[in-house]
């Protein structure tokens, strides 16, 4: 084993990546992680868009410990408790029009719950023929089999294709790779076509991220897109599921990424940042008008999870939301967002940078072989991964992604720093990132000439 590193097969841990060594983190403070060898890393993506409040929060740790001392677990089918009641109240107060919160442990599970709820709602409302779920292409909603079915990531799905459900697809509103302002994907015309093709009487729901996640690298749809989607969903009686696991909870400068459009979804899925990463926590929010149908019928959502409504994880969520409120961190994202993107503008001049985009403290950078044609870099170069490794070598953590151009090719990195990041730390982030981009680009040039 490399000194200071941990790797397969020397460790008993089955790591998420089996072909690389791992630094061992000893502690975190603010936006920084520190390993056992004395190296420090600026966490520019909150791990996986999760550590919204930074690392080392004593307040959240103490809240979790206090709850664990009282009791650690009760069965959600038999009991309720203050942390669940308080968290649901806080979440619904932040989400006008959505009255009920179903509390779960991770984003993919909450997506599954929302998809199942949509199917169950229509069945119990006397419309059992409404079974189809529409989703965007490209998109990503998690790795459980139903959530994976909803996503459109060919590289993730290939191995499991025989086990997946086929979802009707809607071209994603992806301005950088669109054919222009009249592109049906940007006007929601493509969505209406998909509903009509599938048959409105058979469509239960449409699921989408309001701001593109890892599949389109923070792509921001045109201003009128979501209002048009909301109107079409109402016209054709299709439930609109907003997957805000990644882009919600204040990340884009408003609690919900849909707020600037004045749009309320039928179901809202939250995760990642709602506990600041201190505990696995997610939620599906729904209006009472929908939940009442299930309450009058079967009386229970047909989605069970042992750790739903967990007291300790709910306590983490209550503490995290209290910190966000007291420190006005959502407003801070709104204030720092324009500055963050202005600092990133320096990267636009790099010959491999196709676009820098996003909103608030969420940004995506797309890399291309040719700026004029937007031709992606060959997947064989693994540019996004090389860039992420070059950044890590410089003490910067970023999130790499690929496949956005055609399902296989296309390179992105995403940035989602904790809401508490300082302006000085934003400068350091951009400096280290620029250096890493230049290093990774040199390897591309060498590969082209060798």
Protein backbone atom coordinates (compact mmCIF):
# COMPACT_ATOMS: atom_id res chain seq x y z
CA UNK A 1 0.00 0.00 0.00
CA UNK A 2 1.29 3.47 -0.88
CA UNK A 3 2.22 5.38 2.32
CA UNK A 4 -0.66 7.60 3.34
CA UNK A 5 -2.97 6.01 0.76
CA UNK A 6 -5.57 3.29 1.03
CA UNK A 7 -6.51 1.06 -1.88
CA UNK A 8 -7.93 -2.23 -3.07
CA UNK A 9 -7.08 -5.04 -2.34
CA UNK A 10 -4.93 -4.08 0.67
CA UNK A 11 -7.83 -2.65 2.65
CA UNK A 12 -10.96 -4.62 3.67
CA UNK A 13 -13.08 -1.73 2.28
CA UNK A 14 -14.81 -2.31 -1.07
CA UNK A 15 -14.07 1.15 -2.42
CA UNK A 16 -16.22 2.93 -4.97
CA UNK A 17 -13.19 3.02 -7.28
CA UNK A 18 -11.04 -0.10 -7.22
CA UNK A 19 -8.18 1.12 -9.39
CA UNK A 20 -6.93 4.12 -7.46
CA UNK A 21 -5.44 4.83 -4.03
CA UNK A 22 -7.34 7.00 -1.56
CA UNK A 23 -6.06 9.72 0.75
CA UNK A 24 -7.45 9.24 4.27
CA UNK A 25 -9.30 12.30 5.57
CA UNK A 26 -8.69 13.03 9.23
CA UNK A 27 -10.77 16.19 9.73
CA UNK A 28 -12.68 18.93 7.98
CA UNK A 29 -13.08 22.61 8.71
CA UNK A 30 -15.20 25.00 6.66
CA UNK A 31 -14.54 24.39 2.97
CA UNK A 32 -11.34 22.46 3.71
CA UNK A 33 -10.56 18.75 4.16
CA UNK A 34 -7.29 17.62 5.78
CA UNK A 35 -5.78 14.16 5.31
CA UNK A 36 -3.56 12.09 7.59
CA UNK A 37 -0.45 13.10 5.64
CA UNK A 38 -0.96 16.78 6.31
CA UNK A 39 -2.35 17.74 2.91
CA UNK A 40 -5.32 20.09 2.63
CA UNK A 41 -8.03 20.08 -0.04
CA UNK A 42 -10.43 22.87 -0.96
CA UNK A 43 -13.74 21.06 -1.40
CA UNK A 44 -15.10 22.83 -4.49
CA UNK A 45 -18.02 20.44 -5.00
CA UNK A 46 -19.16 19.67 -1.46
CA UNK A 47 -18.09 16.06 -2.00
CA UNK A 48 -21.00 15.20 -4.27
CA UNK A 49 -22.91 18.51 -4.05
CA UNK A 50 -23.71 17.57 -0.45
CA UNK A 51 -21.58 19.48 2.10
CA UNK A 52 -23.55 22.70 1.67
CA UNK A 53 -22.70 24.00 5.13
CA UNK A 54 -19.05 23.04 5.09
CA UNK A 55 -17.20 20.54 7.24
CA UNK A 56 -16.87 20.21 10.99
CA UNK A 57 -20.14 21.74 12.20
CA UNK A 58 -20.27 21.20 15.96
CA UNK A 59 -23.91 22.36 16.06
CA UNK A 60 -25.13 19.60 13.74
CA UNK A 61 -22.93 16.99 15.41
CA UNK A 62 -24.26 17.96 18.84
CA UNK A 63 -27.88 17.85 17.62
CA UNK A 64 -27.38 14.33 16.27
CA UNK A 65 -25.62 13.16 19.43
CA UNK A 66 -28.33 14.62 21.66
CA UNK A 67 -31.03 12.80 19.71
CA UNK A 68 -29.06 9.53 19.71
CA UNK A 69 -28.79 9.74 23.50
CA UNK A 70 -32.58 10.05 23.75
CA UNK A 71 -33.30 7.26 21.25
CA UNK A 72 -31.67 6.30 17.97
CA UNK A 73 -34.35 4.44 16.05
CA UNK A 74 -38.07 3.83 16.00
CA UNK A 75 -40.17 2.20 13.29
CA UNK A 76 -41.78 4.84 11.08
CA UNK A 77 -44.89 2.70 10.62
CA UNK A 78 -45.57 2.72 14.37
CA UNK A 79 -44.27 5.99 15.88
CA UNK A 80 -43.49 9.61 15.16
CA UNK A 81 -41.12 11.93 17.05
CA UNK A 82 -40.08 15.57 17.35
CA UNK A 83 -37.23 15.49 14.76
CA UNK A 84 -39.56 14.16 12.03
CA UNK A 85 -42.35 16.58 12.92
CA UNK A 86 -39.96 19.55 13.12
CA UNK A 87 -38.14 18.69 9.90
CA UNK A 88 -41.35 18.19 7.92
CA UNK A 89 -42.67 21.50 9.24
CA UNK A 90 -39.47 23.32 8.27
CA UNK A 91 -39.37 21.79 4.78
CA UNK A 92 -43.01 22.51 4.00
CA UNK A 93 -42.75 26.09 5.29
CA UNK A 94 -39.90 26.62 2.84
CA UNK A 95 -41.93 25.04 0.01
CA UNK A 96 -45.29 26.87 -0.37
CA UNK A 97 -47.99 24.70 -1.90
CA UNK A 98 -46.36 21.46 -0.74
CA UNK A 99 -47.86 20.41 2.59
CA UNK A 100 -46.50 16.95 3.35
CA UNK A 101 -42.93 15.63 3.57
CA UNK A 102 -42.04 11.94 3.32
CA UNK A 103 -38.58 11.56 4.88
CA UNK A 104 -36.04 9.12 3.46
CA UNK A 105 -32.30 8.45 3.39
CA UNK A 106 -30.95 9.32 -0.06
CA UNK A 107 -31.88 11.09 -3.27
CA UNK A 108 -32.32 8.02 -5.44
CA UNK A 109 -34.68 6.52 -2.88
CA UNK A 110 -36.73 9.72 -2.75
CA UNK A 111 -36.92 9.71 -6.56
CA UNK A 112 -38.22 6.12 -6.41
CA UNK A 113 -40.79 7.22 -3.84
CA UNK A 114 -41.96 10.08 -6.07
CA UNK A 115 -42.26 7.86 -9.15
CA UNK A 116 -44.16 5.23 -7.18
CA UNK A 117 -46.37 7.87 -5.61
CA UNK A 118 -47.30 9.22 -9.05
CA UNK A 119 -48.30 5.74 -10.22
CA UNK A 120 -50.19 4.99 -7.00
CA UNK A 121 -51.96 8.36 -6.98
CA UNK A 122 -53.49 7.85 -10.42
CA UNK A 123 -54.44 4.24 -9.65
CA UNK A 124 -56.25 5.28 -6.47
CA UNK A 125 -57.79 8.30 -8.22
CA UNK A 126 -59.54 5.90 -10.61
CA UNK A 127 -57.10 6.39 -13.52
CA UNK A 128 -55.06 3.14 -13.46
CA UNK A 129 -54.21 3.52 -17.17
CA UNK A 130 -51.88 6.43 -16.34
CA UNK A 131 -48.64 4.50 -15.87
CA UNK A 132 -46.00 6.12 -18.09
CA UNK A 133 -43.30 8.44 -16.78
CA UNK A 134 -41.62 10.93 -19.14
CA UNK A 135 -38.05 12.08 -18.51
CA UNK A 136 -35.41 14.18 -20.20
CA UNK A 137 -32.59 13.01 -22.42
CA UNK A 138 -29.91 13.40 -21.16
CA UNK A 139 -30.76 13.19 -17.47
CA UNK A 140 -29.82 11.46 -14.24
CA UNK A 141 -31.98 10.64 -11.22
CA UNK A 142 -30.08 8.02 -9.24
CA UNK A 143 -28.78 4.46 -9.42
CA UNK A 144 -31.57 2.34 -7.97
CA UNK A 145 -33.18 0.46 -10.83
CA UNK A 146 -36.33 2.58 -11.23
CA UNK A 147 -34.38 5.83 -10.81
CA UNK A 148 -31.78 4.52 -13.25
CA UNK A 149 -34.58 3.75 -15.71
CA UNK A 150 -35.80 7.33 -15.41
CA UNK A 151 -32.36 8.69 -16.25
CA UNK A 152 -30.85 8.77 -19.71
CA UNK A 153 -27.20 7.93 -19.20
CA UNK A 154 -26.25 5.16 -21.63
CA UNK A 155 -22.92 4.43 -19.95
CA UNK A 156 -24.62 3.87 -16.57
CA UNK A 157 -27.45 1.74 -17.96
CA UNK A 158 -25.70 -0.53 -20.45
CA UNK A 159 -24.83 -3.33 -18.04
CA UNK A 160 -28.32 -3.41 -16.52
CA UNK A 161 -30.43 -2.80 -19.62
CA UNK A 162 -32.30 -6.12 -19.27
CA UNK A 163 -33.52 -5.10 -15.83
CA UNK A 164 -34.66 -1.56 -16.61
CA UNK A 165 -38.05 -0.07 -17.49
CA UNK A 166 -38.31 1.90 -20.74
CA UNK A 167 -39.25 5.55 -20.18
CA UNK A 168 -40.53 7.79 -23.00
CA UNK A 169 -37.90 10.48 -23.60
CA UNK A 170 -38.11 14.24 -24.02
CA UNK A 171 -35.10 16.12 -25.47
CA UNK A 172 -33.54 18.11 -22.64
CA UNK A 173 -33.58 21.93 -22.75
CA UNK A 174 -29.82 22.22 -23.23
CA UNK A 175 -29.10 25.63 -24.81
CA UNK A 176 -25.40 25.02 -25.47
CA UNK A 177 -26.14 21.96 -27.60
CA UNK A 178 -29.44 23.13 -29.08
CA UNK A 179 -30.09 23.95 -32.72
CA UNK A 180 -31.01 27.54 -31.82
CA UNK A 181 -33.84 29.57 -30.22
CA UNK A 182 -36.50 27.73 -32.23
CA UNK A 183 -35.35 24.31 -31.02
CA UNK A 184 -38.52 22.43 -29.83
CA UNK A 185 -36.55 21.21 -26.82
CA UNK A 186 -36.13 24.78 -25.59
CA UNK A 187 -39.74 25.87 -26.09
CA UNK A 188 -41.29 22.77 -24.43
CA UNK A 189 -42.85 21.87 -27.80
CA UNK A 190 -40.82 18.65 -27.68
CA UNK A 191 -42.40 17.86 -24.32
CA UNK A 192 -45.92 18.34 -25.67
CA UNK A 193 -45.11 16.14 -28.66
CA UNK A 194 -43.86 13.41 -26.32
CA UNK A 195 -47.03 13.56 -24.22
CA UNK A 196 -49.24 13.36 -27.30
CA UNK A 197 -47.17 10.53 -28.77
CA UNK A 198 -47.36 8.51 -25.55
CA UNK A 199 -51.06 9.32 -25.15
CA UNK A 200 -52.01 11.82 -22.42
CA UNK A 201 -54.41 9.32 -20.85
CA UNK A 202 -51.47 6.98 -20.22
CA UNK A 203 -48.93 9.49 -18.84
CA UNK A 204 -48.68 9.66 -15.06
CA UNK A 205 -45.80 12.08 -14.57
CA UNK A 206 -42.85 13.99 -15.95
CA UNK A 207 -39.61 14.09 -13.95
CA UNK A 208 -36.84 16.64 -14.51
CA UNK A 209 -34.15 18.67 -12.78
CA UNK A 210 -35.02 22.41 -13.01
CA UNK A 211 -31.32 23.24 -13.41
CA UNK A 212 -29.39 20.52 -15.19
CA UNK A 213 -27.39 18.27 -12.93
CA UNK A 214 -24.39 16.14 -13.76
CA UNK A 215 -25.89 14.96 -17.06
CA UNK A 216 -25.95 18.44 -18.64
CA UNK A 217 -23.53 20.26 -16.37
CA UNK A 218 -25.71 22.98 -14.82
CA UNK A 219 -27.54 23.76 -18.05
CA UNK A 220 -30.10 26.52 -17.42
CA UNK A 221 -33.27 26.33 -19.57
CA UNK A 222 -34.79 29.45 -21.19
CA UNK A 223 -36.79 31.65 -18.83
CA UNK A 224 -40.24 30.61 -20.10
CA UNK A 225 -39.53 26.86 -20.27
CA UNK A 226 -40.77 25.77 -16.84
CA UNK A 227 -43.86 27.95 -16.93
CA UNK A 228 -44.77 26.31 -20.24
CA UNK A 229 -44.09 22.85 -18.77
CA UNK A 230 -46.32 23.63 -15.79
CA UNK A 231 -49.15 24.74 -18.09
CA UNK A 232 -48.84 21.65 -20.29
CA UNK A 233 -48.79 19.31 -17.29
CA UNK A 234 -51.99 20.93 -16.07
CA UNK A 235 -53.59 20.69 -19.53
CA UNK A 236 -52.84 16.99 -19.96
CA UNK A 237 -53.18 15.99 -16.27
CA UNK A 238 -49.55 14.96 -15.87
CA UNK A 239 -47.86 15.24 -12.48
CA UNK A 240 -44.69 17.36 -12.60
CA UNK A 241 -41.92 15.91 -10.43
CA UNK A 242 -39.06 18.35 -9.78
CA UNK A 243 -35.87 16.48 -8.91
CA UNK A 244 -34.00 19.07 -6.85
CA UNK A 245 -31.76 16.62 -5.03
CA UNK A 246 -28.74 18.39 -6.54
CA UNK A 247 -29.92 21.91 -7.41
CA UNK A 248 -32.36 22.55 -4.55
CA UNK A 249 -32.11 23.59 -0.89
CA UNK A 250 -30.73 27.03 -1.70
CA UNK A 251 -27.84 26.01 -3.92
CA UNK A 252 -28.94 28.24 -6.83
CA UNK A 253 -29.77 31.26 -4.66
CA UNK A 254 -33.40 30.41 -3.96
CA UNK A 255 -34.73 27.58 -1.81
CA UNK A 256 -36.19 25.86 -4.89
CA UNK A 257 -34.52 26.27 -8.27
CA UNK A 258 -38.04 26.75 -9.70
CA UNK A 259 -38.81 29.83 -7.59
CA UNK A 260 -37.53 32.40 -10.12
CA UNK A 261 -40.08 31.06 -12.62
CA UNK A 262 -43.03 31.20 -10.22
CA UNK A 263 -43.61 27.46 -10.71
CA UNK A 264 -44.66 24.93 -8.05
CA UNK A 265 -44.26 21.24 -8.97
CA UNK A 266 -46.71 18.55 -7.94
CA UNK A 267 -43.92 16.61 -6.25
CA UNK A 268 -40.57 17.99 -5.09
CA UNK A 269 -37.61 15.73 -4.35
CA UNK A 270 -34.87 17.05 -2.08
CA UNK A 271 -31.70 15.48 -0.69
CA UNK A 272 -27.96 16.07 -0.40
CA UNK A 273 -27.79 19.56 1.11
CA UNK A 274 -30.83 19.36 3.42
CA UNK A 275 -28.67 17.75 6.11
CA UNK A 276 -25.45 19.42 4.99
CA UNK A 277 -24.11 15.91 4.43
CA UNK A 278 -23.97 15.13 8.13
CA UNK A 279 -26.49 12.31 7.75
CA UNK A 280 -28.10 10.46 4.82
CA UNK A 281 -31.34 12.38 4.36
CA UNK A 282 -33.84 13.11 1.58
CA UNK A 283 -37.47 14.06 1.26
CA UNK A 284 -40.38 13.85 -1.13
CA UNK A 285 -42.77 16.79 -0.75
CA UNK A 286 -46.36 16.67 -1.99
CA UNK A 287 -49.53 18.75 -1.65
CA UNK A 288 -52.33 17.51 0.55
CA UNK A 289 -54.70 17.38 -2.45
CA UNK A 290 -52.63 14.45 -3.78
CA UNK A 291 -51.85 12.77 -0.46
CA UNK A 292 -55.55 12.88 0.49
CA UNK A 293 -56.33 10.52 -2.40
CA UNK A 294 -53.99 7.88 -0.98
CA UNK A 295 -55.19 8.56 2.56
CA UNK A 296 -58.79 7.88 1.50
CA UNK A 297 -57.75 4.79 -0.46
CA UNK A 298 -55.06 2.33 0.58
CA UNK A 299 -53.87 4.61 3.38
CA UNK A 300 -50.16 4.16 2.74
CA UNK A 301 -47.52 4.97 0.14
CA UNK A 302 -46.33 1.69 -1.38
CA UNK A 303 -42.68 2.48 -0.76
CA UNK A 304 -41.10 1.12 2.40
CA UNK A 305 -37.66 1.82 3.76
CA UNK A 306 -36.26 0.71 7.11
CA UNK A 307 -34.54 4.03 7.77
CA UNK A 308 -37.30 6.38 6.65
CA UNK A 309 -38.23 9.10 9.16
CA UNK A 310 -35.09 8.25 11.16
CA UNK A 311 -34.78 10.33 14.37
CA UNK A 312 -31.04 11.02 14.20
CA UNK A 313 -30.96 11.90 10.51
CA UNK A 314 -34.04 14.09 10.92
CA UNK A 315 -32.30 15.84 13.81
CA UNK A 316 -29.38 16.57 11.48
CA UNK A 317 -31.82 18.07 8.97
CA UNK A 318 -33.50 20.27 11.56
CA UNK A 319 -30.12 21.59 12.71
CA UNK A 320 -28.91 22.16 9.13
CA UNK A 321 -32.03 24.08 8.14
CA UNK A 322 -31.78 26.16 11.31
CA UNK A 323 -28.21 27.12 10.41
CA UNK A 324 -29.26 28.03 6.86
CA UNK A 325 -32.01 30.26 8.24
CA UNK A 326 -30.02 31.91 11.02
CA UNK A 327 -26.98 32.60 8.84
CA UNK A 328 -29.10 33.51 5.79
CA UNK A 329 -27.10 31.11 3.67
CA UNK A 330 -29.61 30.87 0.81
CA UNK A 331 -29.41 34.63 0.45
CA UNK A 332 -25.62 34.31 0.61
CA UNK A 333 -25.70 31.92 -2.36
CA UNK A 334 -27.72 34.50 -4.28
CA UNK A 335 -25.25 37.24 -3.39
CA UNK A 336 -22.07 35.23 -4.05
CA UNK A 337 -23.39 33.53 -7.20
CA UNK A 338 -22.74 36.39 -9.67
CA UNK A 339 -19.30 36.96 -8.17
CA UNK A 340 -18.48 33.26 -8.40
CA UNK A 341 -19.44 33.13 -12.08
CA UNK A 342 -17.58 36.36 -12.82
CA UNK A 343 -14.40 34.82 -11.39
CA UNK A 344 -14.95 31.70 -13.51
CA UNK A 345 -15.23 33.83 -16.65
CA UNK A 346 -11.43 33.77 -16.93
CA UNK A 347 -11.67 30.12 -17.96
CA UNK A 348 -13.80 30.93 -21.02
CA UNK A 349 -10.72 31.92 -23.02
CA UNK A 350 -9.13 28.49 -22.72
CA UNK A 351 -9.18 26.69 -26.10
CA UNK A 352 -10.84 23.57 -24.63
CA UNK A 353 -13.56 25.38 -22.64
CA UNK A 354 -16.82 25.36 -24.58
CA UNK A 355 -19.02 26.99 -21.96
CA UNK A 356 -19.15 28.03 -18.32
CA UNK A 357 -22.70 28.09 -16.94
CA UNK A 358 -24.91 27.72 -13.91
CA UNK A 359 -26.63 29.75 -11.21
CA UNK A 360 -25.78 30.65 -7.64
CA UNK A 361 -23.06 28.47 -6.14
CA UNK A 362 -23.54 25.83 -8.83
CA UNK A 363 -21.43 25.87 -11.98
CA UNK A 364 -20.62 23.55 -14.85
CA UNK A 365 -17.75 23.79 -17.29
CA UNK A 366 -18.03 21.91 -20.57
CA UNK A 367 -14.88 21.00 -22.49
CA UNK A 368 -14.77 20.49 -26.25
CA UNK A 369 -12.24 19.65 -28.94
CA UNK A 370 -13.52 22.45 -31.19
CA UNK A 371 -15.24 25.57 -29.87
CA UNK A 372 -16.86 26.49 -33.18
CA UNK A 373 -18.48 23.13 -33.88
CA UNK A 374 -18.80 22.12 -30.19
CA UNK A 375 -17.31 18.76 -31.11
CA UNK A 376 -16.65 16.82 -27.90
CA UNK A 377 -13.28 15.47 -26.90
CA UNK A 378 -12.86 11.75 -27.63
CA UNK A 379 -13.98 9.67 -24.66
CA UNK A 380 -10.75 7.68 -24.89
CA UNK A 381 -8.89 10.73 -23.57
CA UNK A 382 -10.88 10.63 -20.30
CA UNK A 383 -10.34 14.36 -20.04
CA UNK A 384 -12.81 15.01 -17.22
CA UNK A 385 -11.24 12.33 -15.07
CA UNK A 386 -7.72 13.55 -15.85
CA UNK A 387 -8.71 17.07 -14.92
CA UNK A 388 -10.23 15.92 -11.63
CA UNK A 389 -6.99 14.08 -10.77
CA UNK A 390 -4.90 17.12 -11.73
CA UNK A 391 -7.11 19.25 -9.48
CA UNK A 392 -6.77 16.81 -6.59
CA UNK A 393 -2.98 16.95 -6.98
CA UNK A 394 -3.33 20.70 -6.42
CA UNK A 395 -5.51 20.28 -3.36
CA UNK A 396 -8.82 20.98 -5.11
CA UNK A 397 -11.83 18.64 -5.20
CA UNK A 398 -14.08 18.92 -8.29
CA UNK A 399 -16.74 16.64 -9.77
CA UNK A 400 -16.01 15.11 -13.21
CA UNK A 401 -18.68 13.86 -15.57
CA UNK A 402 -18.98 12.64 -19.14
CA UNK A 403 -21.47 11.52 -21.77
CA UNK A 404 -23.41 14.79 -22.03
CA UNK A 405 -22.84 15.23 -25.80
CA UNK A 406 -24.18 11.91 -27.09
CA UNK A 407 -24.47 9.52 -24.16
CA UNK A 408 -20.83 8.44 -24.34
CA UNK A 409 -18.73 11.46 -25.34
CA UNK A 410 -18.64 14.87 -23.72
CA UNK A 411 -16.60 16.09 -20.75
CA UNK A 412 -17.75 18.25 -17.85
CA UNK A 413 -16.63 19.27 -14.44
CA UNK A 414 -19.01 20.67 -11.88
CA UNK A 415 -18.47 22.99 -8.95
CA UNK A 416 -20.71 23.29 -5.90
CA UNK A 417 -18.71 24.80 -3.04
CA UNK A 418 -20.19 25.06 0.46
CA UNK A 419 -22.42 28.08 0.98
CA UNK A 420 -19.98 29.44 3.58
CA UNK A 421 -17.07 29.81 1.14
CA UNK A 422 -15.31 33.20 1.33
CA UNK A 423 -14.42 35.46 -1.58
CA UNK A 424 -10.74 34.76 -0.93
CA UNK A 425 -11.42 31.02 -1.10
CA UNK A 426 -13.32 31.52 -4.36
CA UNK A 427 -10.18 33.16 -5.77
CA UNK A 428 -8.10 30.21 -4.58
CA UNK A 429 -10.59 27.80 -6.14
CA UNK A 430 -10.35 29.47 -9.55
CA UNK A 431 -6.56 29.72 -9.36
CA UNK A 432 -6.10 26.02 -8.60
CA UNK A 433 -8.72 25.04 -11.17
CA UNK A 434 -7.08 27.10 -13.93
CA UNK A 435 -3.75 25.43 -13.18
CA UNK A 436 -5.37 21.98 -13.30
CA UNK A 437 -7.12 22.74 -16.61
CA UNK A 438 -3.80 23.78 -18.15
CA UNK A 439 -2.11 20.61 -16.91
CA UNK A 440 -4.88 18.33 -18.20
CA UNK A 441 -4.92 20.22 -21.53
CA UNK A 442 -1.20 19.59 -22.00
CA UNK A 443 -1.82 15.86 -21.81
CA UNK A 444 -4.46 16.21 -24.55
CA UNK A 445 -1.97 18.10 -26.75
CA UNK A 446 0.69 15.46 -26.15
CA UNK A 447 -1.82 12.74 -27.03
CA UNK A 448 -2.69 14.47 -30.30
CA UNK A 449 0.94 14.84 -31.37
CA UNK A 450 2.38 11.55 -30.20
